[in-house]
Amino acid sequence: MDTLLNVPVQFTPSAITELKRIAASLEDTKQLRVGVKGGGCSGMTYVLEHDVQQEGDIQYEVDGLLVIMNAAHEMYLHGMTVEFEGGLNSRGFTFKNPNASSTCGCGTSFAV
């Protein structure tokens, strides 16, 4: 496991608050994983889940929140911001990725 000084993915205060609320109800051995996987209408989808650390992961901390990410995913996610919207019309996590050449209407699928 490598620890990064340069944080590849940023989280807004609203996202950090919601992620800490979710983490409080989970097992201590799981950390927040951010990443990508193939699929979705644009070719790739974002991963935001709680998981155990694996070989090849990098780890960093944002406002007391431990985040893990497969090192190979950094090229797709570097500079991305994760936000949480808690309104009535729009609720959930949104991703602002400067590396995406196109995104889908659902907001969780993108292409590079």
PDB file of N, CA and C in Angstrom:
ATOM      1  N   MET A   1       0.842  -1.172   0.000  1.00  0.00           N
ATOM      2  CA  MET A   1       0.000   0.000   0.000  1.00  0.00           C
ATOM      3  C   MET A   1       0.884   1.231   0.000  1.00  0.00           C
ATOM      4  N   ASP A   2       0.598   2.170  -0.881  1.00  0.00           N
ATOM      5  CA  ASP A   2       1.285   3.444  -0.919  1.00  0.00           C
ATOM      6  C   ASP A   2       0.345   4.506  -0.377  1.00  0.00           C
ATOM      7  N   THR A   3       0.915   5.484   0.326  1.00  0.00           N
ATOM      8  CA  THR A   3       0.134   6.621   0.778  1.00  0.00           C
ATOM      9  C   THR A   3       0.519   7.819  -0.067  1.00  0.00           C
ATOM     10  N   LEU A   4      -0.454   8.503  -0.612  1.00  0.00           N
ATOM     11  CA  LEU A   4      -0.208   9.636  -1.493  1.00  0.00           C
ATOM     12  C   LEU A   4      -0.220  10.939  -0.725  1.00  0.00           C
ATOM     13  N   LEU A   5       0.683  11.831  -1.082  1.00  0.00           N
ATOM     14  CA  LEU A   5       0.641  13.178  -0.545  1.00  0.00           C
ATOM     15  C   LEU A   5      -0.256  14.051  -1.418  1.00  0.00           C
ATOM     16  N   ASN A   6      -0.255  13.790  -2.716  1.00  0.00           N
ATOM     17  CA  ASN A   6      -1.100  14.509  -3.654  1.00  0.00           C
ATOM     18  C   ASN A   6      -2.424  13.753  -3.779  1.00  0.00           C
ATOM     19  N   VAL A   7      -3.502  14.373  -3.376  1.00  0.00           N
ATOM     20  CA  VAL A   7      -4.803  13.715  -3.353  1.00  0.00           C
ATOM     21  C   VAL A   7      -5.376  13.688  -4.770  1.00  0.00           C
ATOM     22  N   PRO A   8      -5.579  12.489  -5.355  1.00  0.00           N
ATOM     23  CA  PRO A   8      -6.051  12.413  -6.737  1.00  0.00           C
ATOM     24  C   PRO A   8      -7.524  12.755  -6.920  1.00  0.00           C
ATOM     25  N   VAL A   9      -8.349  12.472  -5.910  1.00  0.00           N
ATOM     26  CA  VAL A   9      -9.792  12.731  -5.997  1.00  0.00           C
ATOM     27  C   VAL A   9     -10.192  13.573  -4.790  1.00  0.00           C
ATOM     28  N   GLN A  10     -10.890  14.663  -5.064  1.00  0.00           N
ATOM     29  CA  GLN A  10     -11.364  15.562  -4.012  1.00  0.00           C
ATOM     30  C   GLN A  10     -12.812  15.224  -3.652  1.00  0.00           C
ATOM     31  N   PHE A  11     -13.183  15.522  -2.421  1.00  0.00           N
ATOM     32  CA  PHE A  11     -14.559  15.347  -1.953  1.00  0.00           C
ATOM     33  C   PHE A  11     -15.032  16.663  -1.362  1.00  0.00           C
ATOM     34  N   THR A  12     -16.223  17.096  -1.734  1.00  0.00           N
ATOM     35  CA  THR A  12     -16.771  18.326  -1.179  1.00  0.00           C
ATOM     36  C   THR A  12     -17.169  18.077   0.279  1.00  0.00           C
ATOM     37  N   PRO A  13     -17.339  19.142   1.071  1.00  0.00           N
ATOM     38  CA  PRO A  13     -17.768  18.952   2.458  1.00  0.00           C
ATOM     39  C   PRO A  13     -19.065  18.147   2.584  1.00  0.00           C
ATOM     40  N   SER A  14     -20.018  18.353   1.678  1.00  0.00           N
ATOM     41  CA  SER A  14     -21.269  17.591   1.767  1.00  0.00           C
ATOM     42  C   SER A  14     -21.029  16.107   1.504  1.00  0.00           C
ATOM     43  N   ALA A  15     -20.109  15.783   0.583  1.00  0.00           N
ATOM     44  CA  ALA A  15     -19.792  14.378   0.308  1.00  0.00           C
ATOM     45  C   ALA A  15     -19.087  13.750   1.504  1.00  0.00           C
ATOM     46  N   ILE A  16     -18.164  14.469   2.115  1.00  0.00           N
ATOM     47  CA  ILE A  16     -17.446  13.940   3.283  1.00  0.00           C
ATOM     48  C   ILE A  16     -18.416  13.672   4.425  1.00  0.00           C
ATOM     49  N   THR A  17     -19.328  14.586   4.665  1.00  0.00           N
ATOM     50  CA  THR A  17     -20.322  14.393   5.735  1.00  0.00           C
ATOM     51  C   THR A  17     -21.153  13.147   5.494  1.00  0.00           C
ATOM     52  N   GLU A  18     -21.642  12.958   4.271  1.00  0.00           N
ATOM     53  CA  GLU A  18     -22.471  11.793   3.961  1.00  0.00           C
ATOM     54  C   GLU A  18     -21.657  10.504   4.020  1.00  0.00           C
ATOM     55  N   LEU A  19     -20.431  10.527   3.512  1.00  0.00           N
ATOM     56  CA  LEU A  19     -19.591   9.322   3.530  1.00  0.00           C
ATOM     57  C   LEU A  19     -19.216   8.921   4.953  1.00  0.00           C
ATOM     58  N   LYS A  20     -18.970   9.879   5.819  1.00  0.00           N
ATOM     59  CA  LYS A  20     -18.690   9.569   7.226  1.00  0.00           C
ATOM     60  C   LYS A  20     -19.927   8.994   7.911  1.00  0.00           C
ATOM     61  N   ARG A  21     -21.103   9.515   7.551  1.00  0.00           N
ATOM     62  CA  ARG A  21     -22.346   8.983   8.123  1.00  0.00           C
ATOM     63  C   ARG A  21     -22.534   7.524   7.719  1.00  0.00           C
ATOM     64  N   ILE A  22     -22.283   7.229   6.465  1.00  0.00           N
ATOM     65  CA  ILE A  22     -22.411   5.852   5.969  1.00  0.00           C
ATOM     66  C   ILE A  22     -21.360   4.955   6.617  1.00  0.00           C
ATOM     67  N   ALA A  23     -20.121   5.424   6.698  1.00  0.00           N
ATOM     68  CA  ALA A  23     -19.027   4.624   7.255  1.00  0.00           C
ATOM     69  C   ALA A  23     -19.259   4.274   8.721  1.00  0.00           C
ATOM     70  N   ALA A  24     -19.949   5.122   9.453  1.00  0.00           N
ATOM     71  CA  ALA A  24     -20.199   4.875  10.877  1.00  0.00           C
ATOM     72  C   ALA A  24     -21.041   3.625  11.098  1.00  0.00           C
ATOM     73  N   SER A  25     -21.778   3.199  10.080  1.00  0.00           N
ATOM     74  CA  SER A  25     -22.641   2.025  10.231  1.00  0.00           C
ATOM     75  C   SER A  25     -22.001   0.748   9.672  1.00  0.00           C
ATOM     76  N   LEU A  26     -20.758   0.822   9.202  1.00  0.00           N
ATOM     77  CA  LEU A  26     -20.108  -0.325   8.574  1.00  0.00           C
ATOM     78  C   LEU A  26     -19.027  -0.923   9.455  1.00  0.00           C
ATOM     79  N   GLU A  27     -18.490  -2.055   9.000  1.00  0.00           N
ATOM     80  CA  GLU A  27     -17.387  -2.717   9.689  1.00  0.00           C
ATOM     81  C   GLU A  27     -16.153  -1.831   9.677  1.00  0.00           C
ATOM     82  N   ASP A  28     -15.351  -1.922  10.734  1.00  0.00           N
ATOM     83  CA  ASP A  28     -14.129  -1.131  10.838  1.00  0.00           C
ATOM     84  C   ASP A  28     -13.085  -1.506   9.787  1.00  0.00           C
ATOM     85  N   THR A  29     -13.151  -2.702   9.248  1.00  0.00           N
ATOM     86  CA  THR A  29     -12.122  -3.162   8.322  1.00  0.00           C
ATOM     87  C   THR A  29     -12.319  -2.638   6.905  1.00  0.00           C
ATOM     88  N   LYS A  30     -13.430  -2.000   6.639  1.00  0.00           N
ATOM     89  CA  LYS A  30     -13.690  -1.517   5.287  1.00  0.00           C
ATOM     90  C   LYS A  30     -13.366  -0.034   5.175  1.00  0.00           C
ATOM     91  N   GLN A  31     -12.866   0.331   3.997  1.00  0.00           N
ATOM     92  CA  GLN A  31     -12.534   1.717   3.705  1.00  0.00           C
ATOM     93  C   GLN A  31     -13.282   2.137   2.457  1.00  0.00           C
ATOM     94  N   LEU A  32     -13.313   3.434   2.220  1.00  0.00           N
ATOM     95  CA  LEU A  32     -13.972   3.947   1.041  1.00  0.00           C
ATOM     96  C   LEU A  32     -13.111   3.681  -0.186  1.00  0.00           C
ATOM     97  N   ARG A  33     -13.681   3.003  -1.163  1.00  0.00           N
ATOM     98  CA  ARG A  33     -12.994   2.750  -2.428  1.00  0.00           C
ATOM     99  C   ARG A  33     -13.599   3.649  -3.494  1.00  0.00           C
ATOM    100  N   VAL A  34     -12.726   4.338  -4.212  1.00  0.00           N
ATOM    101  CA  VAL A  34     -13.141   5.104  -5.370  1.00  0.00           C
ATOM    102  C   VAL A  34     -12.380   4.524  -6.562  1.00  0.00           C
ATOM    103  N   GLY A  35     -13.075   4.358  -7.677  1.00  0.00           N
ATOM    104  CA  GLY A  35     -12.431   3.752  -8.838  1.00  0.00           C
ATOM    105  C   GLY A  35     -13.344   3.765 -10.043  1.00  0.00           C
ATOM    106  N   VAL A  36     -12.989   2.947 -11.010  1.00  0.00           N
ATOM    107  CA  VAL A  36     -13.770   2.820 -12.244  1.00  0.00           C
ATOM    108  C   VAL A  36     -13.915   1.346 -12.583  1.00  0.00           C
ATOM    109  N   LYS A  37     -14.904   1.053 -13.406  1.00  0.00           N
ATOM    110  CA  LYS A  37     -15.047  -0.288 -13.966  1.00  0.00           C
ATOM    111  C   LYS A  37     -15.697  -0.143 -15.331  1.00  0.00           C
ATOM    112  N   GLY A  38     -15.509  -1.129 -16.163  1.00  0.00           N
ATOM    113  CA  GLY A  38     -16.108  -1.111 -17.488  1.00  0.00           C
ATOM    114  C   GLY A  38     -17.608  -1.269 -17.404  1.00  0.00           C
ATOM    115  N   GLY A  39     -18.324  -0.593 -18.295  1.00  0.00           N
ATOM    116  CA  GLY A  39     -19.777  -0.709 -18.333  1.00  0.00           C
ATOM    117  C   GLY A  39     -20.432   0.640 -18.465  1.00  0.00           C
ATOM    118  N   GLY A  40     -21.731   0.644 -18.384  1.00  0.00           N
ATOM    119  CA  GLY A  40     -22.480   1.881 -18.523  1.00  0.00           C
ATOM    120  C   GLY A  40     -22.634   2.273 -19.979  1.00  0.00           C
ATOM    121  N   CYS A  41     -23.432   3.288 -20.237  1.00  0.00           N
ATOM    122  CA  CYS A  41     -23.707   3.683 -21.621  1.00  0.00           C
ATOM    123  C   CYS A  41     -22.540   4.386 -22.296  1.00  0.00           C
ATOM    124  N   SER A  42     -21.585   4.912 -21.533  1.00  0.00           N
ATOM    125  CA  SER A  42     -20.451   5.605 -22.142  1.00  0.00           C
ATOM    126  C   SER A  42     -19.164   4.787 -22.120  1.00  0.00           C
ATOM    127  N   GLY A  43     -19.184   3.611 -21.520  1.00  0.00           N
ATOM    128  CA  GLY A  43     -18.011   2.743 -21.533  1.00  0.00           C
ATOM    129  C   GLY A  43     -17.402   2.460 -20.177  1.00  0.00           C
ATOM    130  N   MET A  44     -17.440   3.422 -19.260  1.00  0.00           N
ATOM    131  CA  MET A  44     -16.894   3.234 -17.918  1.00  0.00           C
ATOM    132  C   MET A  44     -17.868   3.817 -16.906  1.00  0.00           C
ATOM    133  N   THR A  45     -17.899   3.218 -15.713  1.00  0.00           N
ATOM    134  CA  THR A  45     -18.725   3.745 -14.634  1.00  0.00           C
ATOM    135  C   THR A  45     -17.848   3.960 -13.405  1.00  0.00           C
ATOM    136  N   TYR A  46     -18.287   4.859 -12.552  1.00  0.00           N
ATOM    137  CA  TYR A  46     -17.559   5.156 -11.318  1.00  0.00           C
ATOM    138  C   TYR A  46     -17.884   4.114 -10.257  1.00  0.00           C
ATOM    139  N   VAL A  47     -16.900   3.845  -9.421  1.00  0.00           N
ATOM    140  CA  VAL A  47     -17.067   2.972  -8.262  1.00  0.00           C
ATOM    141  C   VAL A  47     -16.896   3.835  -7.022  1.00  0.00           C
ATOM    142  N   LEU A  48     -17.858   3.793  -6.134  1.00  0.00           N
ATOM    143  CA  LEU A  48     -17.799   4.467  -4.844  1.00  0.00           C
ATOM    144  C   LEU A  48     -18.463   3.530  -3.859  1.00  0.00           C
ATOM    145  N   GLU A  49     -17.643   2.768  -3.126  1.00  0.00           N
ATOM    146  CA  GLU A  49     -18.165   1.733  -2.238  1.00  0.00           C
ATOM    147  C   GLU A  49     -17.200   1.517  -1.081  1.00  0.00           C
ATOM    148  N   HIS A  50     -17.630   0.781  -0.105  1.00  0.00           N
ATOM    149  CA  HIS A  50     -16.761   0.416   1.006  1.00  0.00           C
ATOM    150  C   HIS A  50     -16.233  -0.983   0.758  1.00  0.00           C
ATOM    151  N   ASP A  51     -14.920  -1.141   0.935  1.00  0.00           N
ATOM    152  CA  ASP A  51     -14.257  -2.375   0.535  1.00  0.00           C
ATOM    153  C   ASP A  51     -13.017  -2.562   1.415  1.00  0.00           C
ATOM    154  N   VAL A  52     -12.429  -3.738   1.325  1.00  0.00           N
ATOM    155  CA  VAL A  52     -11.166  -3.996   2.014  1.00  0.00           C
ATOM    156  C   VAL A  52     -10.022  -3.656   1.066  1.00  0.00           C
ATOM    157  N   GLN A  53      -8.925  -3.249   1.644  1.00  0.00           N
ATOM    158  CA  GLN A  53      -7.766  -2.880   0.856  1.00  0.00           C
ATOM    159  C   GLN A  53      -7.179  -4.102   0.166  1.00  0.00           C
ATOM    160  N   GLN A  54      -6.725  -3.911  -1.075  1.00  0.00           N
ATOM    161  CA  GLN A  54      -6.157  -4.995  -1.866  1.00  0.00           C
ATOM    162  C   GLN A  54      -4.763  -4.605  -2.354  1.00  0.00           C
ATOM    163  N   GLU A  55      -4.011  -5.604  -2.792  1.00  0.00           N
ATOM    164  CA  GLU A  55      -2.696  -5.340  -3.353  1.00  0.00           C
ATOM    165  C   GLU A  55      -2.856  -4.441  -4.578  1.00  0.00           C
ATOM    166  N   GLY A  56      -1.987  -3.470  -4.714  1.00  0.00           N
ATOM    167  CA  GLY A  56      -2.061  -2.532  -5.830  1.00  0.00           C
ATOM    168  C   GLY A  56      -2.867  -1.284  -5.523  1.00  0.00           C
ATOM    169  N   ASP A  57      -3.436  -1.210  -4.311  1.00  0.00           N
ATOM    170  CA  ASP A  57      -4.194  -0.025  -3.919  1.00  0.00           C
ATOM    171  C   ASP A  57      -3.266   1.059  -3.386  1.00  0.00           C
ATOM    172  N   ILE A  58      -3.654   2.283  -3.621  1.00  0.00           N
ATOM    173  CA  ILE A  58      -3.038   3.411  -2.952  1.00  0.00           C
ATOM    174  C   ILE A  58      -4.041   3.913  -1.930  1.00  0.00           C
ATOM    175  N   GLN A  59      -3.545   4.578  -0.908  1.00  0.00           N
ATOM    176  CA  GLN A  59      -4.420   5.055   0.160  1.00  0.00           C
ATOM    177  C   GLN A  59      -4.105   6.520   0.418  1.00  0.00           C
ATOM    178  N   TYR A  60      -5.131   7.302   0.665  1.00  0.00           N
ATOM    179  CA  TYR A  60      -4.939   8.675   1.086  1.00  0.00           C
ATOM    180  C   TYR A  60      -6.060   9.064   2.034  1.00  0.00           C
ATOM    181  N   GLU A  61      -5.907  10.215   2.650  1.00  0.00           N
ATOM    182  CA  GLU A  61      -6.872  10.662   3.643  1.00  0.00           C
ATOM    183  C   GLU A  61      -7.397  12.044   3.265  1.00  0.00           C
ATOM    184  N   VAL A  62      -8.694  12.196   3.409  1.00  0.00           N
ATOM    185  CA  VAL A  62      -9.346  13.485   3.172  1.00  0.00           C
ATOM    186  C   VAL A  62     -10.222  13.775   4.385  1.00  0.00           C
ATOM    187  N   ASP A  63      -9.845  14.771   5.158  1.00  0.00           N
ATOM    188  CA  ASP A  63     -10.634  15.195   6.317  1.00  0.00           C
ATOM    189  C   ASP A  63     -10.986  14.019   7.236  1.00  0.00           C
ATOM    190  N   GLY A  64     -10.010  13.171   7.522  1.00  0.00           N
ATOM    191  CA  GLY A  64     -10.217  12.030   8.400  1.00  0.00           C
ATOM    192  C   GLY A  64     -10.835  10.817   7.741  1.00  0.00           C
ATOM    193  N   LEU A  65     -11.138  10.907   6.471  1.00  0.00           N
ATOM    194  CA  LEU A  65     -11.745   9.812   5.720  1.00  0.00           C
ATOM    195  C   LEU A  65     -10.659   9.071   4.951  1.00  0.00           C
ATOM    196  N   LEU A  66     -10.470   7.770   5.241  1.00  0.00           N
ATOM    197  CA  LEU A  66      -9.479   6.975   4.521  1.00  0.00           C
ATOM    198  C   LEU A  66     -10.069   6.503   3.203  1.00  0.00           C
ATOM    199  N   VAL A  67      -9.341   6.754   2.125  1.00  0.00           N
ATOM    200  CA  VAL A  67      -9.798   6.420   0.782  1.00  0.00           C
ATOM    201  C   VAL A  67      -8.779   5.493   0.144  1.00  0.00           C
ATOM    202  N   ILE A  68      -9.258   4.418  -0.505  1.00  0.00           N
ATOM    203  CA  ILE A  68      -8.388   3.524  -1.256  1.00  0.00           C
ATOM    204  C   ILE A  68      -8.795   3.552  -2.722  1.00  0.00           C
ATOM    205  N   MET A  69      -7.797   3.327  -3.575  1.00  0.00           N
ATOM    206  CA  MET A  69      -8.043   3.335  -5.007  1.00  0.00           C
ATOM    207  C   MET A  69      -6.974   2.476  -5.666  1.00  0.00           C
ATOM    208  N   ASN A  70      -7.372   1.672  -6.623  1.00  0.00           N
ATOM    209  CA  ASN A  70      -6.405   0.921  -7.405  1.00  0.00           C
ATOM    210  C   ASN A  70      -5.521   1.931  -8.122  1.00  0.00           C
ATOM    211  N   ALA A  71      -4.214   1.773  -8.014  1.00  0.00           N
ATOM    212  CA  ALA A  71      -3.279   2.733  -8.595  1.00  0.00           C
ATOM    213  C   ALA A  71      -3.503   2.931 -10.090  1.00  0.00           C
ATOM    214  N   ALA A  72      -3.948   1.906 -10.789  1.00  0.00           N
ATOM    215  CA  ALA A  72      -4.178   2.003 -12.232  1.00  0.00           C
ATOM    216  C   ALA A  72      -5.360   2.902 -12.571  1.00  0.00           C
ATOM    217  N   HIS A  73      -6.237   3.176 -11.608  1.00  0.00           N
ATOM    218  CA  HIS A  73      -7.418   4.002 -11.870  1.00  0.00           C
ATOM    219  C   HIS A  73      -7.118   5.495 -11.778  1.00  0.00           C
ATOM    220  N   GLU A  74      -5.962   5.836 -11.222  1.00  0.00           N
ATOM    221  CA  GLU A  74      -5.644   7.257 -11.033  1.00  0.00           C
ATOM    222  C   GLU A  74      -5.639   8.020 -12.353  1.00  0.00           C
ATOM    223  N   MET A  75      -5.193   7.403 -13.425  1.00  0.00           N
ATOM    224  CA  MET A  75      -5.142   8.106 -14.712  1.00  0.00           C
ATOM    225  C   MET A  75      -6.532   8.521 -15.209  1.00  0.00           C
ATOM    226  N   TYR A  76      -7.573   7.823 -14.782  1.00  0.00           N
ATOM    227  CA  TYR A  76      -8.939   8.158 -15.175  1.00  0.00           C
ATOM    228  C   TYR A  76      -9.596   9.153 -14.226  1.00  0.00           C
ATOM    229  N   LEU A  77      -9.098   9.210 -12.987  1.00  0.00           N
ATOM    230  CA  LEU A  77      -9.802   9.953 -11.943  1.00  0.00           C
ATOM    231  C   LEU A  77      -9.062  11.162 -11.394  1.00  0.00           C
ATOM    232  N   HIS A  78      -7.796  11.334 -11.728  1.00  0.00           N
ATOM    233  CA  HIS A  78      -7.010  12.423 -11.148  1.00  0.00           C
ATOM    234  C   HIS A  78      -7.672  13.776 -11.432  1.00  0.00           C
ATOM    235  N   GLY A  79      -7.906  14.538 -10.386  1.00  0.00           N
ATOM    236  CA  GLY A  79      -8.536  15.841 -10.517  1.00  0.00           C
ATOM    237  C   GLY A  79     -10.050  15.821 -10.376  1.00  0.00           C
ATOM    238  N   MET A  80     -10.637  14.645 -10.201  1.00  0.00           N
ATOM    239  CA  MET A  80     -12.089  14.519 -10.086  1.00  0.00           C
ATOM    240  C   MET A  80     -12.569  15.024  -8.720  1.00  0.00           C
ATOM    241  N   THR A  81     -13.789  15.554  -8.687  1.00  0.00           N
ATOM    242  CA  THR A  81     -14.430  15.977  -7.447  1.00  0.00           C
ATOM    243  C   THR A  81     -15.726  15.191  -7.279  1.00  0.00           C
ATOM    244  N   VAL A  82     -15.915  14.646  -6.081  1.00  0.00           N
ATOM    245  CA  VAL A  82     -17.149  13.934  -5.741  1.00  0.00           C
ATOM    246  C   VAL A  82     -17.957  14.840  -4.827  1.00  0.00           C
ATOM    247  N   GLU A  83     -19.225  15.010  -5.177  1.00  0.00           N
ATOM    248  CA  GLU A  83     -20.115  15.872  -4.411  1.00  0.00           C
ATOM    249  C   GLU A  83     -21.353  15.075  -4.011  1.00  0.00           C
ATOM    250  N   PHE A  84     -21.978  15.467  -2.907  1.00  0.00           N
ATOM    251  CA  PHE A  84     -23.239  14.846  -2.500  1.00  0.00           C
ATOM    252  C   PHE A  84     -24.328  15.898  -2.519  1.00  0.00           C
ATOM    253  N   GLU A  85     -25.424  15.591  -3.214  1.00  0.00           N
ATOM    254  CA  GLU A  85     -26.578  16.474  -3.260  1.00  0.00           C
ATOM    255  C   GLU A  85     -27.705  15.822  -2.482  1.00  0.00           C
ATOM    256  N   GLY A  86     -28.256  16.553  -1.537  1.00  0.00           N
ATOM    257  CA  GLY A  86     -29.289  15.996  -0.673  1.00  0.00           C
ATOM    258  C   GLY A  86     -30.661  16.591  -0.876  1.00  0.00           C
ATOM    259  N   GLY A  87     -30.921  17.184  -2.022  1.00  0.00           N
ATOM    260  CA  GLY A  87     -32.202  17.820  -2.280  1.00  0.00           C
ATOM    261  C   GLY A  87     -33.305  16.829  -2.598  1.00  0.00           C
ATOM    262  N   LEU A  88     -34.516  17.350  -2.724  1.00  0.00           N
ATOM    263  CA  LEU A  88     -35.667  16.509  -3.043  1.00  0.00           C
ATOM    264  C   LEU A  88     -35.649  16.053  -4.497  1.00  0.00           C
ATOM    265  N   ASN A  89     -35.223  16.923  -5.393  1.00  0.00           N
ATOM    266  CA  ASN A  89     -35.218  16.588  -6.816  1.00  0.00           C
ATOM    267  C   ASN A  89     -33.963  15.841  -7.245  1.00  0.00           C
ATOM    268  N   SER A  90     -32.887  16.059  -6.544  1.00  0.00           N
ATOM    269  CA  SER A  90     -31.623  15.435  -6.909  1.00  0.00           C
ATOM    270  C   SER A  90     -30.917  15.003  -5.634  1.00  0.00           C
ATOM    271  N   ARG A  91     -30.798  13.699  -5.442  1.00  0.00           N
ATOM    272  CA  ARG A  91     -30.180  13.188  -4.229  1.00  0.00           C
ATOM    273  C   ARG A  91     -29.178  12.109  -4.607  1.00  0.00           C
ATOM    274  N   GLY A  92     -27.967  12.244  -4.084  1.00  0.00           N
ATOM    275  CA  GLY A  92     -26.944  11.241  -4.324  1.00  0.00           C
ATOM    276  C   GLY A  92     -25.606  11.875  -4.644  1.00  0.00           C
ATOM    277  N   PHE A  93     -24.650  11.024  -4.974  1.00  0.00           N
ATOM    278  CA  PHE A  93     -23.304  11.466  -5.281  1.00  0.00           C
ATOM    279  C   PHE A  93     -23.198  11.821  -6.758  1.00  0.00           C
ATOM    280  N   THR A  94     -22.498  12.904  -7.042  1.00  0.00           N
ATOM    281  CA  THR A  94     -22.232  13.309  -8.415  1.00  0.00           C
ATOM    282  C   THR A  94     -20.720  13.394  -8.605  1.00  0.00           C
ATOM    283  N   PHE A  95     -20.277  13.217  -9.844  1.00  0.00           N
ATOM    284  CA  PHE A  95     -18.862  13.148 -10.169  1.00  0.00           C
ATOM    285  C   PHE A  95     -18.536  14.204 -11.213  1.00  0.00           C
ATOM    286  N   LYS A  96     -17.566  15.042 -10.913  1.00  0.00           N
ATOM    287  CA  LYS A  96     -17.083  16.053 -11.863  1.00  0.00           C
ATOM    288  C   LYS A  96     -15.660  15.652 -12.237  1.00  0.00           C
ATOM    289  N   ASN A  97     -15.531  15.057 -13.423  1.00  0.00           N
ATOM    290  CA  ASN A  97     -14.263  14.476 -13.846  1.00  0.00           C
ATOM    291  C   ASN A  97     -13.692  15.237 -15.041  1.00  0.00           C
ATOM    292  N   PRO A  98     -12.567  15.948 -14.849  1.00  0.00           N
ATOM    293  CA  PRO A  98     -11.982  16.691 -15.968  1.00  0.00           C
ATOM    294  C   PRO A  98     -11.374  15.785 -17.041  1.00  0.00           C
ATOM    295  N   ASN A  99     -11.203  14.512 -16.755  1.00  0.00           N
ATOM    296  CA  ASN A  99     -10.626  13.564 -17.709  1.00  0.00           C
ATOM    297  C   ASN A  99     -11.660  12.959 -18.651  1.00  0.00           C
ATOM    298  N   ALA A 100     -12.937  13.138 -18.349  1.00  0.00           N
ATOM    299  CA  ALA A 100     -14.007  12.535 -19.154  1.00  0.00           C
ATOM    300  C   ALA A 100     -14.193  13.323 -20.443  1.00  0.00           C
ATOM    301  N   SER A 101     -14.134  12.625 -21.563  1.00  0.00           N
ATOM    302  CA  SER A 101     -14.386  13.285 -22.844  1.00  0.00           C
ATOM    303  C   SER A 101     -15.885  13.386 -23.126  1.00  0.00           C
ATOM    304  N   SER A 102     -16.660  12.481 -22.533  1.00  0.00           N
ATOM    305  CA  SER A 102     -18.115  12.537 -22.633  1.00  0.00           C
ATOM    306  C   SER A 102     -18.706  11.827 -21.419  1.00  0.00           C
ATOM    307  N   THR A 103     -19.928  12.216 -21.083  1.00  0.00           N
ATOM    308  CA  THR A 103     -20.627  11.592 -19.967  1.00  0.00           C
ATOM    309  C   THR A 103     -22.044  11.249 -20.400  1.00  0.00           C
ATOM    310  N   CYS A 104     -22.650  10.369 -19.633  1.00  0.00           N
ATOM    311  CA  CYS A 104     -24.016   9.936 -19.905  1.00  0.00           C
ATOM    312  C   CYS A 104     -24.982  10.797 -19.078  1.00  0.00           C
ATOM    313  N   GLY A 105     -26.214  10.808 -19.438  1.00  0.00           N
ATOM    314  CA  GLY A 105     -27.226  11.558 -18.703  1.00  0.00           C
ATOM    315  C   GLY A 105     -27.393  11.086 -17.270  1.00  0.00           C
ATOM    316  N   CYS A 106     -27.043   9.836 -16.982  1.00  0.00           N
ATOM    317  CA  CYS A 106     -27.198   9.310 -15.629  1.00  0.00           C
ATOM    318  C   CYS A 106     -26.159   9.896 -14.681  1.00  0.00           C
ATOM    319  N   GLY A 107     -25.039  10.411 -15.220  1.00  0.00           N
ATOM    320  CA  GLY A 107     -24.006  11.022 -14.402  1.00  0.00           C
ATOM    321  C   GLY A 107     -22.993  10.068 -13.798  1.00  0.00           C
ATOM    322  N   THR A 108     -23.174   8.771 -14.003  1.00  0.00           N
ATOM    323  CA  THR A 108     -22.213   7.812 -13.441  1.00  0.00           C
ATOM    324  C   THR A 108     -21.458   7.045 -14.511  1.00  0.00           C
ATOM    325  N   SER A 109     -21.684   7.373 -15.770  1.00  0.00           N
ATOM    326  CA  SER A 109     -21.018   6.705 -16.871  1.00  0.00           C
ATOM    327  C   SER A 109     -20.252   7.748 -17.683  1.00  0.00           C
ATOM    328  N   PHE A 110     -19.028   7.379 -18.124  1.00  0.00           N
ATOM    329  CA  PHE A 110     -18.217   8.343 -18.848  1.00  0.00           C
ATOM    330  C   PHE A 110     -17.278   7.629 -19.812  1.00  0.00           C
ATOM    331  N   ALA A 111     -16.683   8.411 -20.701  1.00  0.00           N
ATOM    332  CA  ALA A 111     -15.668   7.921 -21.635  1.00  0.00           C
ATOM    333  C   ALA A 111     -14.467   8.843 -21.532  1.00  0.00           C
ATOM    334  N   VAL A 112     -13.291   8.302 -21.841  1.00  0.00           N
ATOM    335  CA  VAL A 112     -12.069   9.127 -21.853  1.00  0.00           C
ATOM    336  C   VAL A 112     -11.466   9.142 -23.251  1.00  0.00           C
TER     337      VAL A 112
END
